[in-house]
Amino acid sequence: METLRRIRANTVEKRLLEKTGEPRFQLQFYILNAKGEFAGVSIFPSKYAVCTEQGPQSLDCEALYPNRPSQD
């Protein structure tokens, strides 16, 4: 999530930002560690897929912004 915050803070080109200052683009990261723990983070709400002992699942990414900006 910190990486997404840094990307947002360093995005200064107006063509990449909405009027509200939110990014005009989506970015997602999928994280997996050596213990098999996993997570997904994104700028705006999205989902990611995993397959565990319980079978395939579609999970929500933790989002930096709760909603996508309106397309004006």
C-alpha atoms as a PDB file:
ATOM      1  CA  MET A   1       0.000   0.000   0.000  1.00  0.00           C
ATOM      2  CA  GLU A   2       2.897   2.329   0.720  1.00  0.00           C
ATOM      3  CA  THR A   3       4.127   1.873  -2.854  1.00  0.00           C
ATOM      4  CA  LEU A   4       0.711   2.928  -4.183  1.00  0.00           C
ATOM      5  CA  ARG A   5       0.799   6.005  -1.933  1.00  0.00           C
ATOM      6  CA  ARG A   6       4.235   6.925  -3.268  1.00  0.00           C
ATOM      7  CA  ILE A   7       3.131   6.463  -6.878  1.00  0.00           C
ATOM      8  CA  ARG A   8       0.126   8.681  -6.211  1.00  0.00           C
ATOM      9  CA  ALA A   9       2.260  11.349  -4.525  1.00  0.00           C
ATOM     10  CA  ASN A  10       4.717  11.370  -7.442  1.00  0.00           C
ATOM     11  CA  THR A  11       2.100  11.456 -10.206  1.00  0.00           C
ATOM     12  CA  VAL A  12       2.062  15.112 -11.209  1.00  0.00           C
ATOM     13  CA  GLU A  13       1.209  15.073 -14.919  1.00  0.00           C
ATOM     14  CA  LYS A  14      -2.272  16.518 -15.313  1.00  0.00           C
ATOM     15  CA  ARG A  15      -3.186  14.016 -18.043  1.00  0.00           C
ATOM     16  CA  LEU A  16      -2.800  11.220 -15.474  1.00  0.00           C
ATOM     17  CA  LEU A  17      -5.039  12.861 -12.843  1.00  0.00           C
ATOM     18  CA  GLU A  18      -8.751  13.467 -12.547  1.00  0.00           C
ATOM     19  CA  LYS A  19     -10.036  16.930 -11.615  1.00  0.00           C
ATOM     20  CA  THR A  20     -10.314  15.668  -8.039  1.00  0.00           C
ATOM     21  CA  GLY A  21      -6.596  14.860  -7.964  1.00  0.00           C
ATOM     22  CA  GLU A  22      -7.168  11.102  -7.951  1.00  0.00           C
ATOM     23  CA  PRO A  23      -5.262   8.994 -10.490  1.00  0.00           C
ATOM     24  CA  ARG A  24      -6.873   8.397 -13.859  1.00  0.00           C
ATOM     25  CA  PHE A  25      -5.313   4.926 -13.996  1.00  0.00           C
ATOM     26  CA  GLN A  26      -5.541   1.630 -12.119  1.00  0.00           C
ATOM     27  CA  LEU A  27      -2.597  -0.213 -10.671  1.00  0.00           C
ATOM     28  CA  GLN A  28      -2.654  -3.532  -8.797  1.00  0.00           C
ATOM     29  CA  PHE A  29      -0.018  -5.485  -6.908  1.00  0.00           C
ATOM     30  CA  TYR A  30      -0.293  -9.121  -5.859  1.00  0.00           C
ATOM     31  CA  ILE A  31       1.891 -10.147  -2.952  1.00  0.00           C
ATOM     32  CA  LEU A  32       3.009 -13.632  -1.926  1.00  0.00           C
ATOM     33  CA  ASN A  33       5.582 -14.460   0.759  1.00  0.00           C
ATOM     34  CA  ALA A  34       7.598 -17.607   1.475  1.00  0.00           C
ATOM     35  CA  LYS A  35       5.013 -18.771   4.048  1.00  0.00           C
ATOM     36  CA  GLY A  36       2.308 -18.796   1.362  1.00  0.00           C
ATOM     37  CA  GLU A  37       0.501 -15.738   2.738  1.00  0.00           C
ATOM     38  CA  PHE A  38      -0.978 -13.556   0.025  1.00  0.00           C
ATOM     39  CA  ALA A  39      -2.679 -10.214  -0.504  1.00  0.00           C
ATOM     40  CA  GLY A  40      -3.736  -7.834  -3.237  1.00  0.00           C
ATOM     41  CA  VAL A  41      -3.644  -4.043  -3.195  1.00  0.00           C
ATOM     42  CA  SER A  42      -4.855  -1.587  -5.815  1.00  0.00           C
ATOM     43  CA  ILE A  43      -5.486   2.093  -6.380  1.00  0.00           C
ATOM     44  CA  PHE A  44      -9.233   1.526  -6.864  1.00  0.00           C
ATOM     45  CA  PRO A  45     -11.393  -1.440  -5.795  1.00  0.00           C
ATOM     46  CA  SER A  46     -10.734  -4.634  -7.735  1.00  0.00           C
ATOM     47  CA  LYS A  47     -10.428  -8.362  -7.249  1.00  0.00           C
ATOM     48  CA  TYR A  48      -7.730 -10.996  -7.575  1.00  0.00           C
ATOM     49  CA  ALA A  49      -7.872 -14.785  -7.807  1.00  0.00           C
ATOM     50  CA  VAL A  50      -6.128 -17.413  -5.690  1.00  0.00           C
ATOM     51  CA  CYS A  51      -6.362 -21.154  -5.408  1.00  0.00           C
ATOM     52  CA  THR A  52      -5.791 -22.684  -1.966  1.00  0.00           C
ATOM     53  CA  GLU A  53      -6.654 -25.942  -0.225  1.00  0.00           C
ATOM     54  CA  GLN A  54     -10.236 -24.633  -0.141  1.00  0.00           C
ATOM     55  CA  GLY A  55     -10.270 -24.275  -3.941  1.00  0.00           C
ATOM     56  CA  PRO A  56     -10.358 -21.227  -6.193  1.00  0.00           C
ATOM     57  CA  GLN A  57     -11.428 -17.888  -4.718  1.00  0.00           C
ATOM     58  CA  SER A  58     -11.942 -14.352  -5.971  1.00  0.00           C
ATOM     59  CA  LEU A  59     -10.890 -11.877  -3.274  1.00  0.00           C
ATOM     60  CA  ASP A  60     -11.098  -8.106  -2.917  1.00  0.00           C
ATOM     61  CA  CYS A  61      -7.910  -6.085  -3.162  1.00  0.00           C
ATOM     62  CA  GLU A  62      -7.305  -3.564  -0.416  1.00  0.00           C
ATOM     63  CA  ALA A  63      -7.896  -0.256  -2.219  1.00  0.00           C
ATOM     64  CA  LEU A  64      -6.153   3.079  -1.724  1.00  0.00           C
ATOM     65  CA  TYR A  65      -9.339   4.915  -2.806  1.00  0.00           C
ATOM     66  CA  PRO A  66     -12.772   3.470  -1.938  1.00  0.00           C
ATOM     67  CA  ASN A  67     -14.402   4.466  -5.258  1.00  0.00           C
ATOM     68  CA  ARG A  68     -13.375   5.148  -8.816  1.00  0.00           C
ATOM     69  CA  PRO A  69     -13.722   8.815  -9.804  1.00  0.00           C
ATOM     70  CA  SER A  70     -16.743   9.642 -11.953  1.00  0.00           C
ATOM     71  CA  GLN A  71     -16.067   9.751 -15.683  1.00  0.00           C
ATOM     72  CA  ASP A  72     -16.919  13.380 -16.547  1.00  0.00           C
END
